[in-house]
Amino acid sequence: MKLNGSCVIRRIGRNTIGFYIRYGQVVKIIRLNPTAEFVFRLLEKGCSRQEIVLQLVKAYNIDTARAEEDIDVFIEALKKHNMLAN
């Protein structure tokens, strides 16, 4: 799984912002919490859903079912905004 090539994230002060750019224009701007930034970074590396789930379990000491549910909700939101590559 990978972010759309038009998605970038930047740290601005203490905030992390995700930008979706199309035709040279910023189409979407989202502010990322630390967990969302963590997942975005894994998506930038092309990690699979299962790899992301395992990393969430390890980093945040949560159970697998919770991590799977959270990542599925996050991925659906990214798909809705065309932020994932096909």
Protein backbone atom coordinates (compact mmCIF):
# COMPACT_ATOMS: atom_id res chain seq x y z
CA MET A 1 0.00 0.00 0.00
CA LYS A 2 1.36 3.39 -0.92
CA LEU A 3 0.37 7.03 -0.76
CA ASN A 4 -0.64 8.76 -3.96
CA GLY A 5 2.45 10.40 -5.47
CA SER A 6 0.74 13.75 -5.05
CA CYS A 7 0.58 13.42 -1.25
CA VAL A 8 3.23 14.98 0.92
CA ILE A 9 3.53 15.59 4.61
CA ARG A 10 5.39 18.42 6.25
CA ARG A 11 6.10 19.36 9.81
CA ILE A 12 5.18 22.98 10.45
CA GLY A 13 6.12 24.01 13.96
CA ARG A 14 4.68 21.35 16.23
CA ASN A 15 2.06 20.27 13.69
CA THR A 16 2.29 17.71 10.93
CA ILE A 17 0.23 18.54 7.87
CA GLY A 18 -0.69 16.30 4.94
CA PHE A 19 -1.18 17.89 1.55
CA TYR A 20 -2.81 16.39 -1.54
CA ILE A 21 -1.69 18.28 -4.63
CA ARG A 22 -3.27 17.95 -8.07
CA TYR A 23 -2.34 19.96 -11.15
CA GLY A 24 -0.02 22.10 -9.03
CA GLN A 25 -2.81 23.11 -6.66
CA VAL A 26 -3.33 22.02 -3.07
CA VAL A 27 -6.62 20.11 -3.11
CA LYS A 28 -6.73 18.77 0.45
CA ILE A 29 -5.01 19.75 3.66
CA ILE A 30 -5.23 17.56 6.75
CA ARG A 31 -3.65 17.97 10.14
CA LEU A 32 -2.20 14.69 11.38
CA ASN A 33 -2.06 13.55 14.97
CA PRO A 34 1.08 11.61 16.00
CA THR A 35 -0.50 8.23 15.21
CA ALA A 36 -1.68 9.36 11.78
CA GLU A 37 1.80 10.72 11.07
CA PHE A 38 3.27 7.36 12.10
CA VAL A 39 0.96 5.56 9.66
CA PHE A 40 1.63 8.11 6.88
CA ARG A 41 5.37 7.50 7.24
CA LEU A 42 4.81 3.74 6.92
CA LEU A 43 2.65 4.30 3.83
CA GLU A 44 5.41 6.45 2.32
CA LYS A 45 7.67 3.40 2.64
CA GLY A 46 5.07 1.21 0.91
CA CYS A 47 4.29 -0.95 3.94
CA SER A 48 1.39 -3.38 3.65
CA ARG A 49 -1.71 -3.19 5.82
CA GLN A 50 -0.44 -6.10 7.91
CA GLU A 51 2.98 -4.49 8.38
CA ILE A 52 1.30 -1.28 9.52
CA VAL A 53 -0.92 -3.19 11.96
CA LEU A 54 2.12 -4.94 13.44
CA GLN A 55 3.99 -1.64 13.78
CA LEU A 56 0.99 -0.03 15.52
CA VAL A 57 0.72 -2.94 17.96
CA LYS A 58 4.42 -2.69 18.74
CA ALA A 59 4.67 1.12 18.96
CA TYR A 60 1.45 1.82 20.85
CA ASN A 61 1.06 -1.41 22.85
CA ILE A 62 -2.49 -2.06 21.61
CA ASP A 63 -4.11 -5.34 20.67
CA THR A 64 -4.16 -6.50 17.07
CA ALA A 65 -7.95 -6.22 16.67
CA ARG A 66 -7.88 -2.57 17.75
CA ALA A 67 -4.97 -1.81 15.40
CA GLU A 68 -6.76 -3.51 12.48
CA GLU A 69 -9.96 -1.57 13.12
CA ASP A 70 -8.12 1.75 13.42
CA ILE A 71 -6.02 1.23 10.30
CA ASP A 72 -9.07 0.18 8.26
CA VAL A 73 -10.90 3.39 9.23
CA PHE A 74 -7.82 5.49 8.41
CA ILE A 75 -7.25 3.76 5.06
CA GLU A 76 -10.90 4.25 4.07
CA ALA A 77 -10.59 7.97 4.84
CA LEU A 78 -7.46 8.19 2.67
CA LYS A 79 -9.22 6.34 -0.17
CA LYS A 80 -12.21 8.66 0.10
CA HIS A 81 -9.90 11.62 -0.46
CA ASN A 82 -7.92 9.89 -3.27
CA MET A 83 -4.74 9.93 -1.18
CA LEU A 84 -3.76 6.30 -1.81
CA ALA A 85 -2.19 5.00 -4.99
CA ASN A 86 -4.19 2.42 -6.94
